[in-house]
Each structure stands twice: as structure tokens, then as C-alpha cells.
Protein backbone atom coordinates (compact mmCIF):
# COMPACT_ATOMS: atom_id res chain seq x y z
CA MET A 1 0.00 -0.01 0.00
CA TYR A 2 1.38 3.38 -0.96
CA VAL A 3 1.17 6.02 1.80
CA SER A 4 1.98 9.58 0.79
CA LYS A 5 4.68 11.42 2.67
CA CYS A 6 3.44 13.82 5.20
CA GLU A 7 5.95 16.58 6.29
CA ARG A 8 4.56 16.92 9.78
CA PHE A 9 4.46 13.20 10.39
CA GLU A 10 8.04 12.82 9.19
CA GLU A 11 9.08 15.68 11.45
CA TRP A 12 7.38 14.24 14.46
CA LYS A 13 7.76 10.52 13.84
CA ASP A 14 10.06 9.79 16.81
CA ALA A 15 7.60 11.44 19.20
CA ILE A 16 4.68 9.67 17.61
CA ARG A 17 6.48 6.31 17.84
CA ALA A 18 7.24 6.97 21.55
CA TYR A 19 3.68 8.04 22.30
CA CYS A 20 2.31 4.84 20.59
CA GLU A 21 4.68 2.61 22.51
CA GLU A 22 3.94 4.26 25.81
CA ASN A 23 0.13 4.02 25.24
CA GLY A 24 -0.14 0.55 23.77
CA LEU A 25 -0.90 1.82 20.24
CA SER A 26 0.48 0.51 16.95
CA TYR A 27 3.03 2.86 15.29
CA ASP A 28 2.82 0.75 12.18
CA LYS A 29 -0.93 1.37 11.90
CA ALA A 30 -0.37 5.08 12.65
CA CYS A 31 2.05 5.17 9.68
CA GLN A 32 -0.72 3.77 7.41
CA MET A 33 -3.45 6.29 8.54
CA GLY A 34 -4.59 9.08 6.36
CA LYS A 35 -3.07 12.43 7.46
CA SER A 36 -4.27 15.96 7.59
CA TRP A 37 -1.86 18.63 8.80
CA ASN A 38 -0.71 22.21 8.92
CA ARG A 39 2.18 24.04 10.63
CA ASP A 40 1.22 23.20 14.26
CA MET A 41 -1.25 20.26 13.92
CA LEU A 42 -1.42 16.70 12.57
CA ALA A 43 -4.52 14.58 12.49
CA LEU A 44 -4.26 10.84 11.83
CA VAL A 45 -7.50 10.04 10.06
CA CYS A 46 -9.36 6.76 9.55
CA ASN A 47 -8.76 5.74 6.02
CA ASP A 48 -11.15 2.71 5.78
CA TYR A 49 -14.79 3.73 6.00
CA THR A 50 -15.78 -0.04 5.80
CA LYS A 51 -14.67 -0.31 9.47
CA LEU A 52 -17.26 2.31 10.57
CA PRO A 53 -20.61 0.62 10.74
CA ASP A 54 -22.64 3.86 10.56
CA TYR A 55 -20.55 5.68 7.94
CA ASP A 56 -22.23 6.36 4.62
CA PRO A 57 -19.70 7.40 1.93
CA THR A 58 -22.47 8.86 -0.26
CA LEU A 59 -23.03 11.68 2.29
CA ASP A 60 -19.58 13.24 1.54
CA ILE A 61 -18.67 13.42 5.29
CA PRO A 62 -15.04 13.41 6.09
CA LEU A 63 -13.64 10.34 7.75
CA PRO A 64 -13.09 10.71 11.53
CA ALA A 65 -9.78 11.72 13.16
CA VAL A 66 -8.15 8.85 15.10
CA LEU A 67 -5.40 10.80 16.86
CA TRP A 68 -4.82 14.60 17.14
CA ILE A 69 -1.30 15.90 17.64
CA THR A 70 -0.75 19.63 18.26
CA ARG A 71 2.47 21.63 18.68
CA THR A 72 2.27 23.78 21.79
CA LYS A 73 4.81 25.97 23.51
CA ASP A 74 5.48 23.08 25.82
CA GLY A 75 5.96 20.48 23.12
CA LEU A 76 3.68 18.05 21.32
CA HIS A 77 0.24 17.38 22.75
CA PHE A 78 -1.48 14.09 21.87
CA GLU A 79 -5.24 13.67 22.09
CA GLN A 80 -6.98 10.41 21.53
CA THR A 81 -10.51 10.30 20.01
CA GLU A 82 -13.30 7.82 20.31
CA TYR A 83 -11.66 5.96 17.37
CA THR A 84 -8.13 5.67 18.71
CA GLN A 85 -8.50 2.27 20.27
CA GLN A 86 -10.54 0.91 17.44
CA PHE A 87 -7.95 1.78 14.77
CA LEU A 88 -4.57 2.00 16.55
CA THR A 89 -4.56 -1.08 18.82
CA PRO A 90 -1.93 -3.65 17.79
């Protein structure tokens, strides 16, 4: 599977790996997630709507975020969503 390069993910990959290891999440799965980012934020996004029982792709609703990562003055802040365990457990 081809996964496009994400500048923010590449920049923060060591911290993301450490966070995943510390929280029992799969870094390999995080690498395969869809990504949305800007200068100070990265969202790992569910990239398989078939795993969402209530999702209707005909409604043109974006797939949900699985993990939010934000750059703050104190470093990176990680925020799990209701989908984190479903999509990032080993």
C-alpha cells in the first residue's frame, strides 16, 4: 500500500512512535493512517470507512480523526479520540 509522505508526520515521527509505545498503540498502523496537517497540527485519520458501521460514503462526510497531535509551547500534545483504540490497537 502506498502512503503519501506527510511533512509533519516525518518531522514528529520519533515522538509519535514513543507515544504509541507508551500508550499501547500501533506505530505501524499510525504510519498507514490518512493524514491531515498544517504547521502546528497533525490529525491521523481513519482511511477505511468499511470499518465504521454507521458511515455512509455517499454523504460526503469526512472520515473521523483517530489521533490529534498539536504543537504547543510546551511540546507536542497528543489527544486520543473515540476511534483511537478501534484503529490503533496492535
